[in-house]
């Protein structure tokens, strides 16, 4: 795997030796590469993850899957994937004018690319003024209907405070945008982990109903 070789060779020797010691000697080279490249699940924080190289129909080692919560993401740029197996950052790479080798690699890892970083920031910014339920833009100086929700015990939100993240509601077959509250916020003091913003009472009601149905993720919605 060319991406792994590039990443591995960029690490200091002492870091390489430390990582090798963290992996059981009985594990195969493929398992070792998977553990280093995939890492913990970005959604629940558990380490029961795998790449999708051996999944029939996907067969892509750059995609990660959590076997505990089902979270599916691009290992290279970190973005969540919901409707297909092709991460949008590949389009940015294809359109990039940087010189590339025979594998289409320019020498810059996806998580270090300024163009991909700008795309991720733009995607996040677009969510700030968008209704979490219907996805319509909420104009400035317009009344916003917000409410909080509590995450089910065990869900790891470390490092996501203050960020807007996408959540897939399986029962409703819909992706919604959630604001992870900060530790010092009033919402956190009231016991909430997420805040949702809707453009109308109708959307807020529909969103609450859908969240209450997701018993695997949420304990309560208020």
N, C-alpha and C. Protein backbone atom coordinates (compact mmCIF):
# COMPACT_ATOMS: atom_id res chain seq x y z
N UNK A 1 0.85 -1.19 0.00
CA UNK A 1 0.00 0.00 0.00
C UNK A 1 0.89 1.25 0.00
N UNK A 2 0.81 2.01 -1.08
CA UNK A 2 1.70 3.15 -1.24
C UNK A 2 1.45 4.22 -0.18
N UNK A 3 0.16 4.45 0.16
CA UNK A 3 -0.15 5.48 1.15
C UNK A 3 0.44 5.13 2.51
N UNK A 4 0.37 3.84 2.85
CA UNK A 4 0.91 3.42 4.15
C UNK A 4 2.44 3.58 4.17
N UNK A 5 3.10 3.19 3.10
CA UNK A 5 4.57 3.31 3.03
C UNK A 5 5.00 4.76 3.20
N UNK A 6 4.28 5.67 2.53
CA UNK A 6 4.62 7.09 2.62
C UNK A 6 4.44 7.59 4.05
N UNK A 7 3.31 7.21 4.65
CA UNK A 7 3.03 7.62 6.02
C UNK A 7 4.05 7.03 6.99
N UNK A 8 4.31 5.74 6.85
CA UNK A 8 5.21 5.04 7.78
C UNK A 8 6.63 5.59 7.70
N UNK A 9 7.12 5.81 6.49
CA UNK A 9 8.49 6.30 6.31
C UNK A 9 8.67 7.73 6.80
N UNK A 10 7.55 8.46 6.95
CA UNK A 10 7.65 9.84 7.43
C UNK A 10 7.78 9.93 8.95
N UNK A 11 7.52 8.79 9.63
CA UNK A 11 7.57 8.78 11.09
C UNK A 11 9.00 8.61 11.58
N UNK A 12 9.36 9.27 12.71
CA UNK A 12 10.69 9.08 13.32
C UNK A 12 10.87 7.62 13.72
N UNK A 13 12.12 7.16 13.76
CA UNK A 13 12.41 5.78 14.06
C UNK A 13 11.85 5.35 15.41
N UNK A 14 11.96 6.25 16.42
CA UNK A 14 11.48 5.89 17.75
C UNK A 14 9.97 5.70 17.79
N UNK A 15 9.25 6.47 16.96
CA UNK A 15 7.80 6.33 16.88
C UNK A 15 7.45 5.01 16.22
N UNK A 16 8.19 4.65 15.18
CA UNK A 16 7.95 3.37 14.52
C UNK A 16 8.13 2.21 15.48
N UNK A 17 9.22 2.27 16.28
CA UNK A 17 9.49 1.18 17.22
C UNK A 17 8.41 1.09 18.29
N UNK A 18 7.93 2.27 18.74
CA UNK A 18 6.88 2.29 19.76
C UNK A 18 5.60 1.66 19.23
N UNK A 19 5.23 2.01 18.00
CA UNK A 19 4.01 1.49 17.42
C UNK A 19 4.10 -0.02 17.21
N UNK A 20 5.27 -0.49 16.86
CA UNK A 20 5.45 -1.93 16.68
C UNK A 20 5.24 -2.68 17.98
N UNK A 21 5.69 -2.07 19.08
CA UNK A 21 5.54 -2.71 20.39
C UNK A 21 4.08 -2.74 20.84
N UNK A 22 3.29 -1.82 20.30
CA UNK A 22 1.87 -1.76 20.68
C UNK A 22 1.03 -2.83 20.00
N UNK A 23 1.61 -3.47 19.02
CA UNK A 23 0.89 -4.48 18.26
C UNK A 23 1.35 -5.87 18.68
N UNK A 24 0.44 -6.77 18.93
CA UNK A 24 0.78 -8.12 19.36
C UNK A 24 1.62 -8.82 18.28
N UNK A 25 2.59 -9.60 18.72
CA UNK A 25 3.48 -10.28 17.80
C UNK A 25 2.75 -11.30 16.93
N UNK A 26 1.63 -11.81 17.41
CA UNK A 26 0.89 -12.83 16.67
C UNK A 26 0.10 -12.26 15.50
N UNK A 27 -0.05 -10.94 15.45
CA UNK A 27 -0.85 -10.34 14.41
C UNK A 27 -0.10 -10.36 13.07
N UNK A 28 -0.83 -10.46 11.99
CA UNK A 28 -0.25 -10.46 10.67
C UNK A 28 0.13 -9.04 10.26
N UNK A 29 0.90 -8.94 9.19
CA UNK A 29 1.29 -7.63 8.69
C UNK A 29 0.07 -6.83 8.26
N UNK A 30 -0.93 -7.53 7.68
CA UNK A 30 -2.15 -6.85 7.24
C UNK A 30 -2.92 -6.27 8.42
N UNK A 31 -2.96 -7.03 9.51
CA UNK A 31 -3.64 -6.54 10.72
C UNK A 31 -2.92 -5.35 11.31
N UNK A 32 -1.59 -5.40 11.26
CA UNK A 32 -0.79 -4.29 11.78
C UNK A 32 -1.06 -3.02 10.99
N UNK A 33 -1.05 -3.13 9.66
CA UNK A 33 -1.31 -1.97 8.81
C UNK A 33 -2.70 -1.42 9.07
N UNK A 34 -3.68 -2.33 9.24
CA UNK A 34 -5.06 -1.90 9.49
C UNK A 34 -5.16 -1.13 10.79
N UNK A 35 -4.50 -1.63 11.85
CA UNK A 35 -4.59 -0.97 13.15
C UNK A 35 -3.97 0.42 13.11
N UNK A 36 -2.83 0.55 12.43
CA UNK A 36 -2.16 1.84 12.35
C UNK A 36 -2.92 2.82 11.47
N UNK A 37 -3.41 2.35 10.31
CA UNK A 37 -4.05 3.23 9.35
C UNK A 37 -5.49 3.59 9.72
N UNK A 38 -6.24 2.64 10.28
CA UNK A 38 -7.65 2.90 10.58
C UNK A 38 -7.81 3.64 11.90
N UNK A 39 -7.24 3.12 12.97
CA UNK A 39 -7.34 3.77 14.28
C UNK A 39 -8.71 3.62 14.91
N UNK A 40 -8.97 4.43 15.93
CA UNK A 40 -10.25 4.38 16.65
C UNK A 40 -11.36 4.98 15.82
N UNK A 41 -12.58 4.58 16.12
CA UNK A 41 -13.74 5.11 15.42
C UNK A 41 -13.94 6.59 15.76
N UNK A 42 -14.07 7.46 14.77
CA UNK A 42 -14.27 8.89 15.03
C UNK A 42 -15.60 9.19 15.70
N UNK A 43 -16.54 8.25 15.62
CA UNK A 43 -17.88 8.49 16.17
C UNK A 43 -18.01 8.03 17.61
N UNK A 44 -17.70 6.75 17.89
CA UNK A 44 -17.89 6.22 19.24
C UNK A 44 -16.59 6.09 20.02
N UNK A 45 -15.44 6.21 19.35
CA UNK A 45 -14.16 6.15 20.03
C UNK A 45 -13.62 4.76 20.28
N UNK A 46 -14.38 3.73 19.93
CA UNK A 46 -13.93 2.36 20.15
C UNK A 46 -12.91 1.94 19.09
N UNK A 47 -12.11 0.94 19.42
CA UNK A 47 -11.05 0.51 18.50
C UNK A 47 -11.42 -0.75 17.72
N UNK A 48 -12.68 -1.14 17.74
CA UNK A 48 -13.13 -2.30 16.99
C UNK A 48 -13.45 -1.88 15.56
N UNK A 49 -12.41 -1.49 14.83
CA UNK A 49 -12.58 -0.95 13.49
C UNK A 49 -11.82 -1.79 12.47
N UNK A 50 -12.10 -1.53 11.21
CA UNK A 50 -11.44 -2.25 10.12
C UNK A 50 -11.46 -1.39 8.87
N UNK A 51 -10.55 -1.68 7.93
CA UNK A 51 -10.68 -1.03 6.64
C UNK A 51 -11.59 -1.89 5.77
N UNK A 52 -11.95 -1.38 4.59
CA UNK A 52 -12.94 -2.06 3.76
C UNK A 52 -12.31 -2.79 2.58
N UNK A 53 -11.04 -3.13 2.71
CA UNK A 53 -10.33 -3.79 1.62
C UNK A 53 -10.91 -5.17 1.31
N UNK A 54 -11.40 -5.87 2.36
CA UNK A 54 -11.89 -7.23 2.17
C UNK A 54 -13.41 -7.31 2.10
N UNK A 55 -14.08 -6.17 2.04
CA UNK A 55 -15.55 -6.17 1.95
C UNK A 55 -15.95 -6.22 0.48
N UNK A 56 -16.66 -7.26 0.10
CA UNK A 56 -17.06 -7.43 -1.29
C UNK A 56 -17.95 -6.28 -1.75
N UNK A 57 -17.61 -5.74 -2.88
CA UNK A 57 -18.37 -4.62 -3.43
C UNK A 57 -17.79 -3.27 -3.07
N UNK A 58 -16.92 -3.25 -2.04
CA UNK A 58 -16.25 -2.00 -1.64
C UNK A 58 -14.76 -2.11 -1.98
N UNK A 59 -14.09 -3.03 -1.30
CA UNK A 59 -12.69 -3.36 -1.59
C UNK A 59 -11.81 -2.11 -1.69
N UNK A 60 -11.88 -1.30 -0.64
CA UNK A 60 -11.12 -0.05 -0.61
C UNK A 60 -10.47 0.12 0.75
N UNK A 61 -9.13 0.04 0.84
CA UNK A 61 -8.45 0.15 2.12
C UNK A 61 -8.42 1.56 2.69
N UNK A 62 -8.87 2.55 1.92
CA UNK A 62 -8.89 3.92 2.42
C UNK A 62 -10.19 4.26 3.13
N UNK A 63 -11.11 3.31 3.21
CA UNK A 63 -12.38 3.52 3.89
C UNK A 63 -12.41 2.74 5.18
N UNK A 64 -12.90 3.37 6.26
CA UNK A 64 -12.95 2.73 7.57
C UNK A 64 -14.37 2.40 7.98
N UNK A 65 -14.52 1.33 8.75
CA UNK A 65 -15.83 0.91 9.24
C UNK A 65 -15.71 0.50 10.70
N UNK A 66 -16.59 1.04 11.54
CA UNK A 66 -16.62 0.65 12.95
C UNK A 66 -17.57 -0.52 13.11
N UNK A 67 -17.09 -1.62 13.67
CA UNK A 67 -17.91 -2.82 13.84
C UNK A 67 -18.82 -2.72 15.06
N UNK A 68 -18.66 -1.66 15.85
CA UNK A 68 -19.52 -1.47 17.02
C UNK A 68 -20.73 -0.59 16.70
N UNK A 69 -20.48 0.58 16.10
CA UNK A 69 -21.58 1.52 15.85
C UNK A 69 -21.95 1.67 14.38
N UNK A 70 -21.15 1.07 13.48
CA UNK A 70 -21.47 1.13 12.06
C UNK A 70 -21.02 2.39 11.36
N UNK A 71 -20.25 3.24 12.04
CA UNK A 71 -19.80 4.49 11.43
C UNK A 71 -18.88 4.17 10.25
N UNK A 72 -19.07 4.88 9.14
CA UNK A 72 -18.35 4.63 7.90
C UNK A 72 -17.69 5.93 7.46
N UNK A 73 -16.38 5.92 7.25
CA UNK A 73 -15.69 7.17 6.97
C UNK A 73 -14.48 6.99 6.07
N UNK A 74 -14.01 8.12 5.52
CA UNK A 74 -12.81 8.14 4.69
C UNK A 74 -11.61 8.27 5.62
N UNK A 75 -10.73 7.29 5.60
CA UNK A 75 -9.57 7.31 6.48
C UNK A 75 -8.61 8.43 6.11
N UNK A 76 -8.56 8.77 4.84
CA UNK A 76 -7.58 9.75 4.37
C UNK A 76 -7.90 11.17 4.81
N UNK A 77 -9.16 11.60 4.68
CA UNK A 77 -9.48 12.99 5.03
C UNK A 77 -10.34 13.09 6.29
N UNK A 78 -10.90 11.97 6.75
CA UNK A 78 -11.67 11.97 7.99
C UNK A 78 -13.15 12.26 7.84
N UNK A 79 -13.64 12.49 6.63
CA UNK A 79 -15.05 12.83 6.47
C UNK A 79 -15.94 11.59 6.50
N UNK A 80 -17.16 11.76 7.00
CA UNK A 80 -18.11 10.66 7.09
C UNK A 80 -18.71 10.38 5.71
N UNK A 81 -18.96 9.11 5.42
CA UNK A 81 -19.60 8.71 4.17
C UNK A 81 -20.95 8.10 4.50
N UNK A 82 -21.97 8.50 3.74
CA UNK A 82 -23.32 8.03 4.03
C UNK A 82 -23.97 7.32 2.84
N UNK A 83 -23.93 7.93 1.68
CA UNK A 83 -24.71 7.42 0.56
C UNK A 83 -23.91 6.67 -0.50
N UNK A 84 -22.58 6.76 -0.46
CA UNK A 84 -21.79 6.05 -1.47
C UNK A 84 -20.40 5.76 -0.93
N UNK A 85 -19.60 5.07 -1.75
CA UNK A 85 -18.27 4.67 -1.33
C UNK A 85 -17.18 5.59 -1.87
N UNK A 86 -17.57 6.68 -2.51
CA UNK A 86 -16.59 7.59 -3.11
C UNK A 86 -16.55 8.90 -2.34
N UNK A 87 -15.44 9.14 -1.65
CA UNK A 87 -15.30 10.37 -0.89
C UNK A 87 -15.13 11.55 -1.85
N UNK A 88 -15.77 12.66 -1.52
CA UNK A 88 -15.72 13.85 -2.37
C UNK A 88 -14.31 14.42 -2.51
N UNK A 89 -13.41 14.09 -1.57
CA UNK A 89 -12.07 14.69 -1.67
C UNK A 89 -11.29 14.17 -2.88
N UNK A 90 -11.73 13.03 -3.44
CA UNK A 90 -11.05 12.50 -4.62
C UNK A 90 -11.26 13.41 -5.84
N UNK A 91 -12.42 14.06 -5.90
CA UNK A 91 -12.66 15.00 -7.00
C UNK A 91 -11.69 16.17 -6.93
N UNK A 92 -11.41 16.60 -5.70
CA UNK A 92 -10.46 17.70 -5.51
C UNK A 92 -9.07 17.26 -5.98
N UNK A 93 -8.70 16.03 -5.67
CA UNK A 93 -7.39 15.51 -6.11
C UNK A 93 -7.32 15.42 -7.63
N UNK A 94 -8.40 14.97 -8.27
CA UNK A 94 -8.43 14.84 -9.72
C UNK A 94 -8.30 16.18 -10.43
N UNK A 95 -8.89 17.23 -9.83
CA UNK A 95 -8.88 18.55 -10.45
C UNK A 95 -7.63 19.37 -10.09
N UNK A 96 -6.87 18.86 -9.13
CA UNK A 96 -5.68 19.58 -8.67
C UNK A 96 -4.61 19.62 -9.77
N UNK A 97 -3.94 20.76 -9.89
CA UNK A 97 -2.93 20.96 -10.93
C UNK A 97 -1.54 20.48 -10.53
N UNK A 98 -1.39 20.03 -9.28
CA UNK A 98 -0.08 19.55 -8.83
C UNK A 98 0.36 18.32 -9.64
N UNK A 99 1.66 18.21 -9.89
CA UNK A 99 2.17 17.06 -10.63
C UNK A 99 2.00 15.79 -9.79
N UNK A 100 1.68 14.67 -10.45
CA UNK A 100 1.41 13.42 -9.76
C UNK A 100 2.23 12.29 -10.37
N UNK A 101 2.42 11.24 -9.59
CA UNK A 101 3.13 10.07 -10.10
C UNK A 101 2.16 9.17 -10.85
N UNK A 102 2.62 7.96 -11.23
CA UNK A 102 1.78 7.07 -12.01
C UNK A 102 0.57 6.55 -11.25
N UNK A 103 0.59 6.71 -9.92
CA UNK A 103 -0.55 6.29 -9.10
C UNK A 103 -1.53 7.45 -8.82
N UNK A 104 -1.22 8.63 -9.36
CA UNK A 104 -2.07 9.79 -9.12
C UNK A 104 -1.80 10.47 -7.81
N UNK A 105 -0.63 10.19 -7.20
CA UNK A 105 -0.28 10.74 -5.89
C UNK A 105 0.69 11.91 -6.06
N UNK A 106 0.35 13.04 -5.44
CA UNK A 106 1.17 14.26 -5.60
C UNK A 106 2.25 14.38 -4.54
N UNK A 107 2.22 13.52 -3.53
CA UNK A 107 3.23 13.58 -2.46
C UNK A 107 2.72 14.22 -1.19
N UNK A 108 1.50 14.79 -1.23
CA UNK A 108 0.89 15.42 -0.05
C UNK A 108 -0.26 14.55 0.43
N UNK A 109 -0.21 14.16 1.71
CA UNK A 109 -1.29 13.33 2.26
C UNK A 109 -2.57 14.16 2.35
N UNK A 110 -3.71 13.47 2.24
CA UNK A 110 -5.01 14.16 2.21
C UNK A 110 -5.22 15.04 3.43
N UNK A 111 -4.80 14.56 4.62
CA UNK A 111 -5.04 15.33 5.84
C UNK A 111 -4.11 16.53 5.97
N UNK A 112 -3.13 16.64 5.04
CA UNK A 112 -2.21 17.78 5.05
C UNK A 112 -2.48 18.74 3.89
N UNK A 113 -3.38 18.37 3.00
CA UNK A 113 -3.64 19.17 1.79
C UNK A 113 -4.48 20.40 2.12
N UNK A 114 -4.00 21.56 1.73
CA UNK A 114 -4.71 22.81 2.02
C UNK A 114 -6.02 22.91 1.24
N UNK A 115 -6.07 22.28 0.06
CA UNK A 115 -7.29 22.32 -0.75
C UNK A 115 -8.40 21.47 -0.11
N UNK A 116 -8.02 20.31 0.39
CA UNK A 116 -8.99 19.44 1.05
C UNK A 116 -9.42 20.04 2.38
N UNK A 117 -8.49 20.66 3.09
CA UNK A 117 -8.83 21.33 4.35
C UNK A 117 -9.83 22.45 4.11
N UNK A 118 -9.64 23.22 3.04
CA UNK A 118 -10.56 24.31 2.71
C UNK A 118 -11.95 23.76 2.38
N UNK A 119 -11.98 22.63 1.69
CA UNK A 119 -13.26 21.99 1.35
C UNK A 119 -13.98 21.52 2.62
N UNK A 120 -13.25 20.90 3.53
CA UNK A 120 -13.86 20.43 4.78
C UNK A 120 -14.39 21.59 5.61
N UNK A 121 -13.62 22.69 5.64
CA UNK A 121 -14.05 23.88 6.39
C UNK A 121 -15.29 24.50 5.76
N UNK A 122 -15.34 24.49 4.44
CA UNK A 122 -16.50 25.03 3.73
C UNK A 122 -17.74 24.20 4.00
N UNK A 123 -17.56 22.88 4.02
CA UNK A 123 -18.67 21.99 4.30
C UNK A 123 -19.21 22.23 5.71
N UNK A 124 -18.30 22.41 6.66
CA UNK A 124 -18.70 22.65 8.05
C UNK A 124 -19.42 23.99 8.19
N UNK A 125 -18.88 25.03 7.50
CA UNK A 125 -19.48 26.36 7.58
C UNK A 125 -20.89 26.38 6.99
N UNK A 126 -21.11 25.57 5.95
CA UNK A 126 -22.42 25.53 5.31
C UNK A 126 -23.49 24.99 6.24
N UNK A 127 -23.08 24.18 7.21
CA UNK A 127 -24.03 23.58 8.13
C UNK A 127 -24.52 24.56 9.20
N UNK A 128 -23.73 25.61 9.45
CA UNK A 128 -24.03 26.53 10.54
C UNK A 128 -25.37 27.24 10.36
N UNK A 129 -25.72 27.57 9.12
CA UNK A 129 -26.96 28.31 8.85
C UNK A 129 -27.97 27.45 8.11
N UNK A 130 -27.94 26.15 8.41
CA UNK A 130 -28.83 25.21 7.73
C UNK A 130 -29.73 24.50 8.73
N UNK A 131 -30.98 24.33 8.36
CA UNK A 131 -31.92 23.60 9.21
C UNK A 131 -31.45 22.16 9.33
N UNK A 132 -31.38 21.66 10.55
CA UNK A 132 -30.89 20.30 10.78
C UNK A 132 -31.80 19.25 10.16
N UNK A 133 -33.08 19.59 9.95
CA UNK A 133 -34.03 18.60 9.44
C UNK A 133 -34.23 18.70 7.92
N UNK A 134 -34.64 19.87 7.42
CA UNK A 134 -34.98 19.99 6.00
C UNK A 134 -33.81 20.45 5.13
N UNK A 135 -32.72 20.88 5.76
CA UNK A 135 -31.49 21.30 5.08
C UNK A 135 -31.62 22.64 4.35
N UNK A 136 -32.71 23.37 4.57
CA UNK A 136 -32.85 24.68 3.95
C UNK A 136 -32.03 25.70 4.72
N UNK A 137 -31.56 26.70 4.00
CA UNK A 137 -30.78 27.76 4.64
C UNK A 137 -31.68 28.60 5.54
N UNK A 138 -31.18 28.92 6.72
CA UNK A 138 -31.92 29.76 7.66
C UNK A 138 -31.40 31.19 7.52
N UNK A 139 -32.21 32.09 6.96
CA UNK A 139 -31.75 33.48 6.75
C UNK A 139 -31.40 34.17 8.07
N UNK A 140 -30.53 35.15 7.99
CA UNK A 140 -30.18 35.92 9.18
C UNK A 140 -31.41 36.69 9.66
N UNK A 141 -31.42 37.00 10.95
CA UNK A 141 -32.53 37.74 11.57
C UNK A 141 -33.86 36.96 11.47
N UNK A 142 -33.76 35.64 11.40
CA UNK A 142 -34.95 34.79 11.35
C UNK A 142 -35.01 33.95 12.62
N UNK A 143 -36.21 33.75 13.15
CA UNK A 143 -36.37 32.97 14.37
C UNK A 143 -35.88 31.54 14.14
N UNK A 144 -35.09 31.05 15.08
CA UNK A 144 -34.56 29.69 15.00
C UNK A 144 -35.14 28.86 16.14
N UNK A 145 -35.54 27.63 15.84
CA UNK A 145 -36.11 26.74 16.84
C UNK A 145 -35.06 25.71 17.23
N UNK A 146 -34.56 25.84 18.46
CA UNK A 146 -33.50 24.95 18.91
C UNK A 146 -33.91 24.11 20.11
N UNK A 147 -33.29 22.97 20.25
CA UNK A 147 -33.52 22.10 21.41
C UNK A 147 -32.32 21.20 21.59
N UNK A 148 -32.23 20.61 22.77
CA UNK A 148 -31.09 19.77 23.11
C UNK A 148 -31.42 18.30 23.15
N UNK A 149 -30.37 17.48 23.11
CA UNK A 149 -30.53 16.04 23.21
C UNK A 149 -29.36 15.46 23.98
N UNK A 150 -29.62 14.38 24.67
CA UNK A 150 -28.60 13.71 25.46
C UNK A 150 -28.15 12.44 24.75
N UNK A 151 -26.84 12.25 24.63
CA UNK A 151 -26.31 11.07 23.96
C UNK A 151 -26.39 9.86 24.89
N UNK A 152 -26.52 8.71 24.28
CA UNK A 152 -26.55 7.47 25.04
C UNK A 152 -25.21 7.25 25.72
N UNK A 153 -25.21 6.70 26.90
CA UNK A 153 -24.00 6.46 27.66
C UNK A 153 -23.02 5.61 26.84
N UNK A 154 -21.76 6.06 26.81
CA UNK A 154 -20.74 5.32 26.09
C UNK A 154 -20.33 5.96 24.78
N UNK A 155 -21.15 6.90 24.26
CA UNK A 155 -20.80 7.59 23.03
C UNK A 155 -19.68 8.58 23.31
N UNK A 156 -18.60 8.48 22.58
CA UNK A 156 -17.41 9.31 22.81
C UNK A 156 -17.47 10.56 21.93
N UNK A 157 -17.55 11.73 22.56
CA UNK A 157 -17.59 12.99 21.83
C UNK A 157 -16.32 13.82 22.06
N UNK A 158 -15.28 13.18 22.56
CA UNK A 158 -14.03 13.87 22.84
C UNK A 158 -13.45 14.48 21.57
N UNK A 159 -13.06 15.74 21.66
CA UNK A 159 -12.46 16.44 20.54
C UNK A 159 -13.46 17.04 19.56
N UNK A 160 -14.76 16.86 19.83
CA UNK A 160 -15.77 17.37 18.91
C UNK A 160 -16.57 18.54 19.49
N UNK A 161 -16.23 18.96 20.70
CA UNK A 161 -16.97 20.03 21.34
C UNK A 161 -16.95 21.31 20.50
N UNK A 162 -18.12 21.90 20.33
CA UNK A 162 -18.23 23.13 19.55
C UNK A 162 -18.32 22.91 18.05
N UNK A 163 -18.21 21.67 17.61
CA UNK A 163 -18.27 21.36 16.18
C UNK A 163 -19.66 20.92 15.76
N UNK A 164 -19.93 21.08 14.48
CA UNK A 164 -21.17 20.59 13.90
C UNK A 164 -20.85 19.28 13.20
N UNK A 165 -21.55 18.22 13.59
CA UNK A 165 -21.27 16.91 13.01
C UNK A 165 -22.53 16.33 12.39
N UNK A 166 -22.38 15.50 11.34
CA UNK A 166 -23.55 14.84 10.74
C UNK A 166 -23.88 13.58 11.52
N UNK A 167 -25.17 13.33 11.71
CA UNK A 167 -25.63 12.11 12.37
C UNK A 167 -26.62 11.41 11.45
N UNK A 168 -26.43 10.12 11.28
CA UNK A 168 -27.34 9.35 10.43
C UNK A 168 -28.42 8.73 11.30
N UNK A 169 -29.68 9.11 11.04
CA UNK A 169 -30.82 8.54 11.75
C UNK A 169 -31.35 7.38 10.91
N UNK A 170 -31.07 6.17 11.36
CA UNK A 170 -31.38 4.98 10.57
C UNK A 170 -32.88 4.82 10.35
N UNK A 171 -33.66 4.99 11.42
CA UNK A 171 -35.11 4.78 11.30
C UNK A 171 -35.75 5.77 10.32
N UNK A 172 -35.24 6.99 10.31
CA UNK A 172 -35.80 8.02 9.44
C UNK A 172 -35.09 8.06 8.09
N UNK A 173 -33.99 7.30 7.96
CA UNK A 173 -33.18 7.28 6.73
C UNK A 173 -32.82 8.71 6.32
N UNK A 174 -32.27 9.45 7.29
CA UNK A 174 -31.97 10.86 7.04
C UNK A 174 -30.73 11.27 7.84
N UNK A 175 -29.93 12.14 7.24
CA UNK A 175 -28.77 12.70 7.92
C UNK A 175 -29.15 14.06 8.49
N UNK A 176 -28.83 14.29 9.76
CA UNK A 176 -29.13 15.58 10.39
C UNK A 176 -27.84 16.18 10.95
N UNK A 177 -27.85 17.49 11.15
CA UNK A 177 -26.68 18.19 11.66
C UNK A 177 -26.85 18.46 13.15
N UNK A 178 -25.85 18.10 13.93
CA UNK A 178 -25.90 18.30 15.37
C UNK A 178 -24.72 19.13 15.85
N UNK A 179 -24.97 20.05 16.77
CA UNK A 179 -23.91 20.84 17.38
C UNK A 179 -23.51 20.15 18.68
N UNK A 180 -22.25 19.78 18.80
CA UNK A 180 -21.77 19.17 20.05
C UNK A 180 -21.49 20.31 21.03
N UNK A 181 -22.21 20.34 22.13
CA UNK A 181 -22.11 21.46 23.06
C UNK A 181 -20.78 21.46 23.79
N UNK A 182 -20.33 22.63 24.22
CA UNK A 182 -19.08 22.75 24.97
C UNK A 182 -19.33 22.54 26.45
N UNK A 183 -18.28 22.25 27.19
CA UNK A 183 -18.40 21.90 28.60
C UNK A 183 -18.97 23.04 29.44
N UNK A 184 -18.65 24.29 29.05
CA UNK A 184 -19.07 25.43 29.86
C UNK A 184 -20.37 26.07 29.35
N UNK A 185 -21.04 25.42 28.42
CA UNK A 185 -22.27 25.99 27.86
C UNK A 185 -23.46 25.74 28.77
N UNK A 186 -24.50 26.55 28.60
CA UNK A 186 -25.72 26.39 29.38
C UNK A 186 -26.38 25.05 29.05
N UNK A 187 -26.31 24.66 27.78
CA UNK A 187 -26.91 23.39 27.36
C UNK A 187 -26.27 22.22 28.09
N UNK A 188 -24.95 22.27 28.26
CA UNK A 188 -24.26 21.19 28.97
C UNK A 188 -24.66 21.16 30.44
N UNK A 189 -24.82 22.36 31.03
CA UNK A 189 -25.24 22.44 32.42
C UNK A 189 -26.64 21.86 32.61
N UNK A 190 -27.44 21.92 31.56
CA UNK A 190 -28.80 21.37 31.62
C UNK A 190 -28.82 19.87 31.29
N UNK A 191 -27.64 19.32 31.02
CA UNK A 191 -27.54 17.89 30.80
C UNK A 191 -27.55 17.42 29.36
N UNK A 192 -27.45 18.37 28.41
CA UNK A 192 -27.50 17.99 27.01
C UNK A 192 -26.09 17.85 26.42
N UNK A 193 -25.97 16.98 25.42
CA UNK A 193 -24.71 16.76 24.70
C UNK A 193 -24.75 17.36 23.30
N UNK A 194 -25.95 17.48 22.74
CA UNK A 194 -26.13 18.02 21.40
C UNK A 194 -27.16 19.14 21.41
N UNK A 195 -27.03 20.05 20.43
CA UNK A 195 -28.06 21.04 20.16
C UNK A 195 -28.41 20.93 18.69
N UNK A 196 -29.72 21.07 18.41
CA UNK A 196 -30.20 21.01 17.03
C UNK A 196 -30.94 22.30 16.72
N UNK A 197 -30.72 22.83 15.51
CA UNK A 197 -31.36 24.07 15.08
C UNK A 197 -32.27 23.79 13.90
N UNK A 198 -33.53 24.22 14.01
CA UNK A 198 -34.50 24.01 12.94
C UNK A 198 -35.07 25.35 12.49
N UNK A 199 -35.58 25.37 11.27
CA UNK A 199 -36.06 26.63 10.69
C UNK A 199 -37.52 26.90 11.03
N UNK A 200 -38.23 25.92 11.57
CA UNK A 200 -39.66 26.09 11.87
C UNK A 200 -40.08 25.12 12.97
N UNK A 201 -41.25 25.36 13.53
CA UNK A 201 -41.79 24.45 14.54
C UNK A 201 -42.08 23.08 13.92
N UNK A 202 -42.50 23.07 12.67
CA UNK A 202 -42.80 21.82 11.98
C UNK A 202 -41.54 20.96 11.87
N UNK A 203 -40.42 21.57 11.45
CA UNK A 203 -39.18 20.83 11.31
C UNK A 203 -38.65 20.38 12.68
N UNK A 204 -38.80 21.24 13.67
CA UNK A 204 -38.34 20.90 15.02
C UNK A 204 -39.11 19.70 15.56
N UNK A 205 -40.42 19.68 15.32
CA UNK A 205 -41.26 18.58 15.79
C UNK A 205 -40.89 17.28 15.09
N UNK A 206 -40.68 17.36 13.78
CA UNK A 206 -40.32 16.16 13.01
C UNK A 206 -38.96 15.63 13.45
N UNK A 207 -38.03 16.53 13.72
CA UNK A 207 -36.70 16.13 14.16
C UNK A 207 -36.74 15.48 15.53
N UNK A 208 -37.52 16.06 16.45
CA UNK A 208 -37.65 15.47 17.79
C UNK A 208 -38.22 14.06 17.72
N UNK A 209 -39.23 13.89 16.88
CA UNK A 209 -39.85 12.57 16.73
C UNK A 209 -38.84 11.55 16.21
N UNK A 210 -38.04 11.97 15.22
CA UNK A 210 -37.04 11.07 14.65
C UNK A 210 -35.94 10.74 15.65
N UNK A 211 -35.52 11.72 16.43
CA UNK A 211 -34.47 11.50 17.43
C UNK A 211 -34.94 10.55 18.53
N UNK A 212 -36.18 10.72 18.95
CA UNK A 212 -36.73 9.84 19.98
C UNK A 212 -36.81 8.39 19.52
N UNK A 213 -36.92 8.21 18.21
CA UNK A 213 -37.00 6.86 17.66
C UNK A 213 -35.62 6.19 17.59
N UNK A 214 -34.57 7.00 17.65
CA UNK A 214 -33.21 6.45 17.57
C UNK A 214 -32.74 6.04 18.97
N UNK A 215 -33.30 5.00 19.50
CA UNK A 215 -33.01 4.58 20.87
C UNK A 215 -31.56 4.14 21.06
N UNK A 216 -30.88 3.78 19.97
CA UNK A 216 -29.49 3.32 20.10
C UNK A 216 -28.54 4.48 20.34
N UNK A 217 -28.94 5.68 19.97
CA UNK A 217 -28.04 6.82 20.08
C UNK A 217 -28.43 7.80 21.17
N UNK A 218 -29.72 8.05 21.33
CA UNK A 218 -30.17 9.07 22.25
C UNK A 218 -30.98 8.50 23.41
N UNK A 219 -30.71 9.02 24.59
CA UNK A 219 -31.48 8.65 25.78
C UNK A 219 -32.71 9.54 25.93
N UNK A 220 -32.55 10.82 25.63
CA UNK A 220 -33.65 11.74 25.83
C UNK A 220 -33.50 12.96 24.95
N UNK A 221 -34.62 13.53 24.58
CA UNK A 221 -34.65 14.77 23.79
C UNK A 221 -35.55 15.75 24.52
N UNK A 222 -35.05 16.99 24.70
CA UNK A 222 -35.85 17.96 25.42
C UNK A 222 -36.00 19.26 24.69
